[in-house]
Every structure is written in C-alpha cells, then in structure tokens.
Amino acid sequence: MRFLHAADLHLDSPLRGLSRYEGCPEDDARTATRRAFENLVRLALDEAVDIVLLAGDIFDGDWKDWNTGLFFASQLSRLVRAGIPVVAVSGNHDATSILTRELRWPDAVTYCRADEPSTVRFEALRLAVHGHGYASRWEHEDLSRTYPTPIPGWANVGLLHTSAEGHPAHATYAPCRVADLVAKGYAYWALGHVHEHAVLARDPWVVFPGCLQGRHVGESGPKGCVLVTMEEDRVTNVRFEAVDVLRWATVTIAVDDCASRAAVLDRVAVAATEASHATEGRVLALRVQLKARANRSDLYWGDDEWWVNNLRSTCTEVATGPVWLETVRFHQSAAAPSPPPGLATLVHAAASIEPAALAAALSQTPEWARAQQCLEVVPAPIRQDAFHLDDPSTVARLVQEAEALVDTRCTPRPLETRGEV
C-alpha cells in the first residue's frame, strides 16, 4: 500500500514580497499554489497511490469567492475517478468556524470531524486513518490525547494539524509531545502546520511534509509532499517529492575583496547560476544580499536603483529558467575605530590603581568626555549601580569591560540600506 501525505496547500494564498516589473513571471506567481496542487494530483495518479492524506490548512482562510472551492473540488474529482480516496482534516487557517461557504465534496472524500476524533476505515487496505479537525482557529489543546487506540492487525495512521513541540516560525496550535505520538502505537503520524519538511521520529514515523508551495523568501528551498510505502502495518519507505512551481532562494555575496562593481556582478552571476540550476527548471524568486565588513561606499553608496536593475539583468542572463529578483539588500559594517591612546593606557594600568586614585585620574584625563559618552550608551539601571568607584569589585569589573565598552558601544552602528524590488 502507498499513500501521499501533504499539508498546508494554502490555496489561492498570494505570494509575498514580489513586485511587478518588466519581464517578471507574474502569471506563475499568481497561480503558484493551484499549480502546486495540480502537480500533487498528477503525482498521485502517476504513482497510482491508494489514498491521499491532507493534514490541514488546505485553504488560507475564508474563500474570497466560490472559485477557490470549485478548483479544489475539480482536482479531488480527478483523484476519485481514478479510485483514489482522500481523507483530510482542517487546520487553523481553514477551521470550520472560518469557512462561511460550503461545497459538497465527492463521495470518496472524507473530512474528519472537528468536534471529536473520527476513524476512517478502508477494509480492502486494512487501513485506519484517525483524524481530528479544528472547530475554531484557536486550538490550543493537545488533540492527539483523544485519538483512539490503534486497531490490531491494521495499518493505523494519525492525521493531525499541530505545532508538535514548537517551531520558531510558526504559532502554537494543538501542541503535543513527539514521545506521546510514538507511544500511541500508530505506524505513521501525518502532520501539518510546519512549512518545512521534517522527520520527527522514525519508529514509528512522525512526519511534517512541509507546505506544497513556498509563499515568501522565508519558505525557501524545495516544497512538496511525502510518498509513503507500507507493508501490512509497517512503514517501509518515506520519500519526499517536490511539487512546487516557484522556488525561493537567498544568495549572500561578500564584496570586501571586489575591486569594482563589475566584479560584484560577476560574483552574483555565479551564485545566481547555481541557485537557478537547483530549481530544476522552476521559476526562481531570488533575494540578493551584498555584504561588506569595511567601508565600500565606492561600490554602492546610495545607488540602489543602479544595483537593482543591473542585478535583474545579470540574473536574467545567467538563469536556466525564469527568474524573479525579489529584493536586493546591502549590509555594511563600519570599521571599529581604535580607542583613544590615553584612555587605553589608563585602562591597562587601572588594575594597579586604588579606587580613589582611579577616580582622580579619570577626572583629569582629556579622554574623560569620551568616557562620558560610553556611560551615556549604558542603560540607566546599570549606570546607577555599576560605577561606584569606592567599591574594589566594581573597579575590577570595569577594568575588564572598559576596552570592550569603548570598542563596541562607542562605534557607529552598522549601516544597512535596502533596495526593494
């Protein structure tokens, strides 16, 4: 038996961070989420899978019009006509309380209940799919605790939209412990919500397939679904399959040793070529970051428009397929100035100076104004209790920190300019 496990389709969700300009593949971006789902359906048909499992967030929210639901229904019908049933759960974006429109899905499509766990049985496959949808978006209970015990002798699969044990890029919904999922006794847990493909456990398998289509540069890299093979009640193979149609990537170019703008463009061309090859013919949405550690205003100071357009031209020339320059960002860190010689000498000698003598020496030092500047950037609570020079331990600590304070706190902040595309 084989099945496809997918999640987070977010049908008709717009791709963010893309601006229109001459030659950009706008149509590809507008229809990306639909075409990714079409690719999934085609994969299911080509692989002749036995079932398709969808682990929530099929929709990005309430439909703007009926077309979103009608598109989904038409793709489901292709699966049903081929004898491939579908089992789905709702997630936080398409909870039952969010969707105000309702379509009748084909008979072989089952949405698990949102008020309690439900089990969908496939007698011919001896497969039981256990699922629990979201009644409302704000689901903060561990839904997995209420899932039924596995059916003996059957292949048991848990279908769940959850943040599991947490992810920095995703809000917490239906949290659960991986150890508890493993202990449930199911052969496979088909999860949704986290947009990165991740395997949380292998015995049994606990898997996030990731989203079908990245929607912004934070969702870079291949996106798709998972093809699972089972023998009786045991998983024998889990394989990721990319179905995305537009792929996001970021290239970061160090330009400190570039002698000219042309040298920078050459370096970007190499990185863009590699990124384009990695997409395997898909549309590439590329972010370019130019970084310098020292002052290289001779390269790009205040000339964002020149860079944006020349980078567009460069990327279009070298890419093996359609390319969309998403953003150009410039990062420049100013070189840290050396501390004043007089103050540096004082700091090195301070360990052997009595507190009162240190206070007197500071008050007579020409660099006292510079020291005052240091104090101004120190938070007030620290300033109030950390600079009592009659306390030997305070003096000792100040001696250790003084040079770092001068070097880091008193230097100009790193410069960052952005050229948005």
Protein backbone atom coordinates (compact mmCIF):
# COMPACT_ATOMS: atom_id res chain seq x y z
CA MET A 1 0.00 0.00 0.00
CA ARG A 2 1.16 3.51 -0.78
CA PHE A 3 -0.25 6.90 0.09
CA LEU A 4 0.60 10.57 -0.41
CA HIS A 5 0.80 12.79 2.65
CA ALA A 6 0.51 16.56 2.08
CA ALA A 7 -0.42 19.61 4.13
CA ASP A 8 -0.59 23.40 4.07
CA LEU A 9 -1.76 23.91 0.49
CA HIS A 10 -2.99 27.44 1.32
CA LEU A 11 -4.86 27.53 -1.98
CA ASP A 12 -5.04 30.98 -3.57
CA SER A 13 -2.80 32.50 -0.93
CA PRO A 14 -0.78 35.34 -2.54
CA LEU A 15 2.98 35.14 -2.77
CA ARG A 16 4.50 37.93 -0.70
CA GLY A 17 7.49 40.18 -1.42
CA LEU A 18 7.26 40.19 -5.21
CA SER A 19 6.96 43.46 -7.11
CA ARG A 20 5.95 43.81 -10.74
CA TYR A 21 8.48 44.88 -13.31
CA GLU A 22 9.17 44.30 -16.97
CA GLY A 23 9.80 40.64 -17.74
CA CYS A 24 8.86 39.21 -14.35
CA PRO A 25 6.91 35.89 -14.44
CA GLU A 26 3.79 37.38 -12.87
CA ASP A 27 1.37 34.68 -14.05
CA ASP A 28 3.49 31.96 -12.46
CA ALA A 29 3.40 33.73 -9.11
CA ARG A 30 -0.34 34.38 -9.20
CA THR A 31 -1.28 30.74 -9.81
CA ALA A 32 1.55 29.04 -7.93
CA THR A 33 -0.46 27.43 -5.12
CA ARG A 34 -3.02 25.98 -7.54
CA ARG A 35 -0.40 24.61 -9.90
CA ALA A 36 1.46 23.01 -7.00
CA PHE A 37 -1.72 21.16 -6.02
CA GLU A 38 -2.24 20.12 -9.63
CA ASN A 39 1.29 18.67 -9.52
CA LEU A 40 0.39 16.72 -6.39
CA VAL A 41 -2.70 15.27 -8.05
CA ARG A 42 -0.66 14.35 -11.12
CA LEU A 43 1.92 12.66 -8.89
CA ALA A 44 -0.81 10.66 -7.13
CA LEU A 45 -2.15 9.49 -10.49
CA ASP A 46 1.27 8.69 -11.92
CA GLU A 47 2.28 6.72 -8.83
CA ALA A 48 -1.14 5.05 -8.61
CA VAL A 49 -1.27 5.59 -4.85
CA ASP A 50 -4.03 4.02 -2.79
CA ILE A 51 -5.01 7.12 -0.85
CA VAL A 52 -4.18 10.82 -0.35
CA LEU A 53 -4.00 12.37 3.14
CA LEU A 54 -4.25 16.14 3.64
CA ALA A 55 -3.22 17.39 7.09
CA GLY A 56 -4.91 20.79 7.29
CA ASP A 57 -4.69 24.36 6.02
CA ILE A 58 -5.92 23.35 2.60
CA PHE A 59 -7.32 26.87 2.34
CA ASP A 60 -5.68 30.08 3.51
CA GLY A 61 -8.86 31.33 5.16
CA ASP A 62 -12.40 32.04 4.08
CA TRP A 63 -12.77 31.93 0.29
CA LYS A 64 -12.90 35.30 -1.42
CA ASP A 65 -15.31 33.69 -3.87
CA TRP A 66 -16.53 30.22 -4.84
CA ASN A 67 -13.74 29.68 -7.35
CA THR A 68 -11.28 28.50 -4.70
CA GLY A 69 -13.61 25.74 -3.55
CA LEU A 70 -14.61 24.81 -7.09
CA PHE A 71 -10.96 24.44 -8.11
CA PHE A 72 -10.29 22.16 -5.14
CA ALA A 73 -13.38 20.07 -5.90
CA SER A 74 -12.35 19.66 -9.53
CA GLN A 75 -8.94 18.31 -8.54
CA LEU A 76 -10.49 15.95 -5.99
CA SER A 77 -12.75 14.60 -8.72
CA ARG A 78 -9.68 13.64 -10.77
CA LEU A 79 -8.47 11.51 -7.88
CA VAL A 80 -11.86 9.96 -7.19
CA ARG A 81 -12.34 8.99 -10.84
CA ALA A 82 -9.05 7.12 -10.61
CA GLY A 83 -10.24 5.28 -7.49
CA ILE A 84 -8.06 7.25 -5.07
CA PRO A 85 -9.91 8.30 -1.90
CA VAL A 86 -8.95 11.39 0.10
CA VAL A 87 -9.01 11.95 3.87
CA ALA A 88 -8.47 15.46 5.24
CA VAL A 89 -8.55 17.42 8.47
CA SER A 90 -8.99 21.15 8.88
CA GLY A 91 -6.31 23.34 10.46
CA ASN A 92 -6.07 26.79 11.98
CA HIS A 93 -6.45 28.59 8.62
CA ASP A 94 -9.45 26.59 7.42
CA ALA A 95 -11.22 25.72 10.67
CA THR A 96 -14.96 25.13 10.38
CA SER A 97 -15.71 28.44 12.09
CA ILE A 98 -13.68 30.33 9.47
CA LEU A 99 -15.14 28.97 6.22
CA THR A 100 -18.52 30.57 5.53
CA ARG A 101 -19.05 28.87 2.15
CA GLU A 102 -19.57 25.15 1.78
CA LEU A 103 -19.39 22.81 -1.19
CA ARG A 104 -20.34 19.19 -1.44
CA TRP A 105 -17.17 17.17 -1.95
CA PRO A 106 -17.08 13.90 -3.95
CA ASP A 107 -18.27 10.84 -2.00
CA ALA A 108 -14.77 9.35 -1.73
CA VAL A 109 -13.51 12.48 0.07
CA THR A 110 -13.78 12.45 3.85
CA TYR A 111 -13.23 15.39 6.17
CA CYS A 112 -12.63 14.20 9.73
CA ARG A 113 -14.93 15.64 12.38
CA ALA A 114 -13.92 18.82 14.19
CA ASP A 115 -15.76 18.14 17.46
CA GLU A 116 -14.18 14.77 18.25
CA PRO A 117 -11.74 12.27 16.73
CA SER A 118 -13.02 10.09 13.92
CA THR A 119 -11.70 6.97 12.24
CA VAL A 120 -11.99 6.31 8.52
CA ARG A 121 -11.62 2.61 7.68
CA PHE A 122 -10.55 1.12 4.37
CA GLU A 123 -11.36 -2.56 4.62
CA ALA A 124 -9.61 -3.63 1.41
CA LEU A 125 -6.38 -1.97 2.56
CA ARG A 126 -6.81 -2.84 6.24
CA LEU A 127 -6.01 0.81 6.85
CA ALA A 128 -7.44 3.04 9.58
CA VAL A 129 -6.93 6.81 9.39
CA HIS A 130 -7.62 8.61 12.66
CA GLY A 131 -8.13 12.39 12.50
CA HIS A 132 -9.47 15.42 14.35
CA GLY A 133 -10.10 18.75 12.60
CA TYR A 134 -10.28 22.25 14.05
CA ALA A 135 -13.63 23.66 15.06
CA SER A 136 -12.07 27.09 15.58
CA ARG A 137 -8.75 28.65 14.73
CA TRP A 138 -7.52 28.95 18.29
CA GLU A 139 -6.97 25.31 19.09
CA HIS A 140 -4.54 25.09 21.99
CA GLU A 141 -5.43 21.67 23.41
CA ASP A 142 -3.44 18.52 22.68
CA LEU A 143 -5.88 16.85 20.29
CA SER A 144 -3.71 13.75 19.96
CA ARG A 145 -4.55 12.68 23.51
CA THR A 146 -8.12 11.91 22.48
CA TYR A 147 -7.20 9.83 19.41
CA PRO A 148 -8.41 6.21 19.67
CA THR A 149 -6.20 3.21 20.29
CA PRO A 150 -4.91 1.50 17.14
CA ILE A 151 -6.94 -1.24 15.52
CA PRO A 152 -4.99 -4.50 15.99
CA GLY A 153 -3.64 -6.03 12.81
CA TRP A 154 -4.38 -2.93 10.73
CA ALA A 155 -2.16 -0.14 9.46
CA ASN A 156 -3.02 2.82 11.69
CA VAL A 157 -2.26 6.38 10.61
CA GLY A 158 -2.80 9.56 12.64
CA LEU A 159 -3.75 12.69 10.70
CA LEU A 160 -3.16 15.85 12.72
CA HIS A 161 -2.56 19.59 12.25
CA THR A 162 -0.21 20.59 15.05
CA SER A 163 2.83 22.63 16.01
CA ALA A 164 4.05 19.49 17.86
CA GLU A 165 6.73 20.60 20.34
CA GLY A 166 7.02 24.05 18.79
CA HIS A 167 8.70 25.80 15.89
CA PRO A 168 10.18 29.33 15.91
CA ALA A 169 8.50 30.27 12.62
CA HIS A 170 5.02 29.02 13.46
CA ALA A 171 2.40 29.80 16.07
CA THR A 172 1.47 27.16 18.62
CA TYR A 173 -1.63 25.15 17.73
CA ALA A 174 -2.71 21.77 19.14
CA PRO A 175 0.71 21.24 20.78
CA CYS A 176 1.78 17.70 21.58
CA ARG A 177 4.84 15.70 22.59
CA VAL A 178 6.52 13.53 19.98
CA ALA A 179 7.04 10.87 22.64
CA ASP A 180 3.28 10.71 23.17
CA LEU A 181 2.65 10.31 19.45
CA VAL A 182 5.19 7.49 19.31
CA ALA A 183 3.61 5.79 22.31
CA LYS A 184 0.16 5.82 20.67
CA GLY A 185 1.05 2.76 18.63
CA TYR A 186 0.24 4.08 15.17
CA ALA A 187 2.50 3.16 12.25
CA TYR A 188 2.66 6.72 10.90
CA TRP A 189 1.70 10.23 12.01
CA ALA A 190 0.81 12.53 9.10
CA LEU A 191 1.27 16.04 10.50
CA GLY A 192 0.64 19.50 9.12
CA HIS A 193 1.23 23.17 10.09
CA VAL A 194 5.05 23.46 9.94
CA HIS A 195 6.02 24.54 6.43
CA GLU A 196 9.40 22.79 6.41
CA HIS A 197 9.74 19.10 5.63
CA ALA A 198 10.84 17.40 8.84
CA VAL A 199 11.01 13.88 10.21
CA LEU A 200 10.47 14.00 13.99
CA ALA A 201 10.69 10.23 14.56
CA ARG A 202 11.24 7.06 12.52
CA ASP A 203 9.95 4.27 14.75
CA PRO A 204 7.13 4.91 14.20
CA TRP A 205 7.33 7.69 11.61
CA VAL A 206 6.24 11.18 12.65
CA VAL A 207 6.48 13.50 9.65
CA PHE A 208 5.83 17.07 8.52
CA PRO A 209 5.74 17.14 4.70
CA GLY A 210 6.06 20.95 4.64
CA CYS A 211 3.90 23.21 2.51
CA LEU A 212 3.25 22.48 -1.17
CA GLN A 213 4.41 25.90 -2.35
CA GLY A 214 6.66 28.45 -0.66
CA ARG A 215 4.92 31.83 -0.42
CA HIS A 216 7.79 34.14 0.57
CA VAL A 217 11.56 34.10 0.94
CA GLY A 218 11.24 32.69 4.45
CA GLU A 219 9.92 29.50 2.85
CA SER A 220 12.95 28.83 0.67
CA GLY A 221 14.04 25.55 -0.83
CA PRO A 222 12.08 22.59 -2.25
CA LYS A 223 8.44 22.25 -1.18
CA GLY A 224 6.14 19.32 -1.69
CA CYS A 225 4.67 16.16 -0.19
CA VAL A 226 5.70 12.73 1.07
CA LEU A 227 5.15 9.38 -0.63
CA VAL A 228 4.81 6.59 1.94
CA THR A 229 5.04 2.85 1.30
CA MET A 230 3.69 0.32 3.81
CA GLU A 231 3.79 -3.45 4.01
CA GLU A 232 0.90 -4.67 6.15
CA ASP A 233 1.12 -2.48 9.27
CA ARG A 234 4.74 -1.34 8.85
CA VAL A 235 6.21 1.65 7.01
CA THR A 236 8.99 0.55 4.66
CA ASN A 237 9.79 3.76 2.80
CA VAL A 238 9.20 7.52 3.12
CA ARG A 239 10.23 9.72 0.19
CA PHE A 240 9.93 13.47 -0.21
CA GLU A 241 8.59 14.65 -3.58
CA ALA A 242 8.89 18.29 -4.68
CA VAL A 243 5.78 19.67 -6.42
CA ASP A 244 6.36 23.42 -6.12
CA VAL A 245 6.35 25.60 -9.24
CA LEU A 246 8.22 28.66 -7.91
CA ARG A 247 11.18 28.33 -5.61
CA TRP A 248 12.63 30.93 -3.28
CA ALA A 249 16.34 31.34 -2.54
CA THR A 250 18.75 33.82 -0.96
CA VAL A 251 22.34 34.35 -2.06
CA THR A 252 24.73 36.33 0.13
CA ILE A 253 27.76 37.85 -1.57
CA ALA A 254 30.81 39.15 0.32
CA VAL A 255 32.22 42.10 -1.62
CA ASP A 256 35.16 43.22 0.52
CA ASP A 257 37.71 42.00 -2.00
CA CYS A 258 35.81 43.15 -5.10
CA ALA A 259 37.72 45.85 -6.93
CA SER A 260 34.75 47.13 -8.92
CA ARG A 261 31.01 46.91 -9.45
CA ALA A 262 31.63 44.62 -12.40
CA ALA A 263 33.45 42.21 -10.09
CA VAL A 264 30.44 42.15 -7.77
CA LEU A 265 28.10 41.44 -10.68
CA ASP A 266 30.35 38.59 -11.81
CA ARG A 267 30.20 37.07 -8.34
CA VAL A 268 26.42 37.40 -8.21
CA ALA A 269 26.20 35.76 -11.64
CA VAL A 270 27.97 32.65 -10.33
CA ALA A 271 25.70 32.39 -7.28
CA ALA A 272 22.55 33.03 -9.33
CA THR A 273 23.56 30.33 -11.81
CA GLU A 274 23.94 27.79 -9.01
CA ALA A 275 20.61 28.79 -7.46
CA SER A 276 18.87 28.56 -10.82
CA HIS A 277 20.25 25.07 -11.53
CA ALA A 278 18.97 23.91 -8.14
CA THR A 279 15.37 24.79 -9.08
CA GLU A 280 15.38 22.18 -11.89
CA GLY A 281 13.57 24.46 -14.32
CA ARG A 282 11.17 26.10 -11.89
CA VAL A 283 10.69 29.85 -11.56
CA LEU A 284 13.35 31.23 -9.22
CA ALA A 285 12.50 34.06 -6.82
CA LEU A 286 15.89 35.29 -5.70
CA ARG A 287 16.98 37.59 -2.89
CA VAL A 288 20.49 39.05 -3.25
CA GLN A 289 22.38 40.31 -0.19
CA LEU A 290 25.63 42.22 -0.65
CA LYS A 291 27.78 42.33 2.46
CA ALA A 292 30.93 44.23 3.31
CA ARG A 293 32.84 44.35 6.58
CA ALA A 294 34.58 47.62 5.79
CA ASN A 295 33.60 50.89 4.18
CA ARG A 296 32.94 50.21 0.49
CA SER A 297 30.85 53.25 -0.34
CA ASP A 298 32.82 53.38 -3.61
CA LEU A 299 30.78 50.36 -4.74
CA TYR A 300 27.21 51.12 -3.89
CA TRP A 301 26.64 54.05 -1.58
CA GLY A 302 23.16 55.47 -2.24
CA ASP A 303 22.84 53.93 -5.71
CA ASP A 304 20.15 51.32 -5.10
CA GLU A 305 18.43 51.84 -8.45
CA TRP A 306 21.60 51.07 -10.42
CA TRP A 307 22.14 47.86 -8.49
CA VAL A 308 18.54 46.69 -8.67
CA ASN A 309 18.37 46.99 -12.44
CA ASN A 310 21.84 45.64 -13.16
CA LEU A 311 21.23 42.66 -10.89
CA ARG A 312 17.92 41.97 -12.62
CA SER A 313 19.72 41.96 -15.94
CA THR A 314 22.54 39.76 -14.64
CA CYS A 315 20.21 37.18 -13.06
CA THR A 316 18.00 37.02 -16.15
CA GLU A 317 21.06 36.45 -18.34
CA VAL A 318 22.53 33.54 -16.37
CA ALA A 319 19.41 31.76 -15.07
CA THR A 320 18.46 28.46 -16.71
CA GLY A 321 14.77 29.27 -16.28
CA PRO A 322 12.50 32.20 -15.38
CA VAL A 323 13.90 34.35 -12.56
CA TRP A 324 12.34 37.00 -10.36
CA LEU A 325 14.66 39.27 -8.40
CA GLU A 326 12.77 39.55 -5.12
CA THR A 327 14.92 42.00 -3.16
CA VAL A 328 18.39 43.50 -3.12
CA ARG A 329 19.83 44.27 0.30
CA PHE A 330 23.06 45.99 1.23
CA HIS A 331 24.78 45.35 4.54
CA GLN A 332 27.84 47.32 5.54
CA SER A 333 29.63 47.29 8.88
CA ALA A 334 31.80 50.29 9.64
CA ALA A 335 35.32 49.50 10.81
CA ALA A 336 35.66 49.98 14.58
CA PRO A 337 37.92 52.91 15.48
CA SER A 338 40.75 52.36 17.90
CA PRO A 339 40.17 53.63 21.45
CA PRO A 340 41.91 56.89 22.38
CA PRO A 341 45.53 56.13 23.32
CA GLY A 342 45.31 57.93 26.64
CA LEU A 343 42.23 56.04 27.74
CA ALA A 344 43.64 52.70 26.55
CA THR A 345 46.79 53.30 28.61
CA LEU A 346 44.69 54.19 31.63
CA VAL A 347 42.59 51.04 31.27
CA HIS A 348 45.64 48.77 31.12
CA ALA A 349 47.09 50.46 34.20
CA ALA A 350 43.84 50.66 36.15
CA ALA A 351 44.20 47.28 37.85
CA SER A 352 47.05 48.63 39.98
CA ILE A 353 45.39 51.93 40.84
CA GLU A 354 43.48 52.45 44.06
CA PRO A 355 39.81 53.41 43.56
CA ALA A 356 40.28 56.96 44.77
CA ALA A 357 43.34 57.44 42.58
CA LEU A 358 41.47 55.98 39.61
CA ALA A 359 38.62 58.43 40.14
CA ALA A 360 41.04 61.33 40.35
CA ALA A 361 42.92 60.16 37.26
CA LEU A 362 39.73 59.84 35.26
CA SER A 363 38.60 63.32 36.17
CA GLN A 364 41.90 64.76 34.88
CA THR A 365 42.10 62.69 31.68
CA PRO A 366 41.49 64.52 28.38
CA GLU A 367 39.51 61.48 27.27
CA TRP A 368 37.02 61.93 30.11
CA ALA A 369 34.47 63.28 27.63
CA ARG A 370 34.84 60.08 25.64
CA ALA A 371 34.30 58.06 28.81
CA GLN A 372 31.15 60.07 29.46
CA GLN A 373 29.89 59.11 26.02
CA CYS A 374 30.42 55.49 26.98
CA LEU A 375 28.32 56.00 30.07
CA GLU A 376 25.50 57.52 28.04
CA VAL A 377 25.01 54.36 26.00
CA VAL A 378 24.91 52.16 29.09
CA PRO A 379 21.32 51.53 30.31
CA ALA A 380 20.34 53.68 33.28
CA PRO A 381 19.84 50.79 35.76
CA ILE A 382 23.37 49.59 35.10
CA ARG A 383 24.74 53.12 35.24
CA GLN A 384 23.19 53.71 38.65
CA ASP A 385 24.68 50.73 40.40
CA ALA A 386 27.79 49.82 38.42
CA PHE A 387 30.02 52.86 38.61
CA HIS A 388 30.66 53.31 42.33
CA LEU A 389 34.44 53.69 42.28
CA ASP A 390 34.76 53.21 46.03
CA ASP A 391 33.93 49.50 45.55
CA PRO A 392 37.04 47.46 44.59
CA SER A 393 34.97 44.72 42.92
CA THR A 394 33.26 47.31 40.75
CA VAL A 395 36.60 48.73 39.73
CA ALA A 396 37.90 45.27 38.83
CA ARG A 397 34.87 44.58 36.68
CA LEU A 398 35.13 47.97 34.99
CA VAL A 399 38.75 47.33 34.12
CA GLN A 400 37.78 44.10 32.35
CA GLU A 401 34.93 45.70 30.43
CA ALA A 402 36.31 49.14 29.66
CA GLU A 403 38.08 48.31 26.41
CA ALA A 404 35.16 46.29 25.07
CA LEU A 405 32.88 49.16 26.01
CA VAL A 406 34.95 51.64 24.05
CA ASP A 407 35.39 49.34 21.07
CA THR A 408 31.77 48.28 20.68
CA ARG A 409 29.45 50.74 22.37
CA CYS A 410 31.04 53.89 21.02
CA THR A 411 31.46 52.83 17.40
CA PRO A 412 28.98 53.89 14.73
CA ARG A 413 26.18 51.40 14.23
CA PRO A 414 26.43 49.12 11.14
CA LEU A 415 24.93 50.72 8.09
CA GLU A 416 22.12 48.89 6.31
CA THR A 417 20.39 50.21 3.26
CA ARG A 418 17.77 48.39 1.27
CA GLY A 419 16.84 48.47 -2.34
CA GLU A 420 13.38 46.89 -2.57
CA VAL A 421 12.41 45.22 -5.81
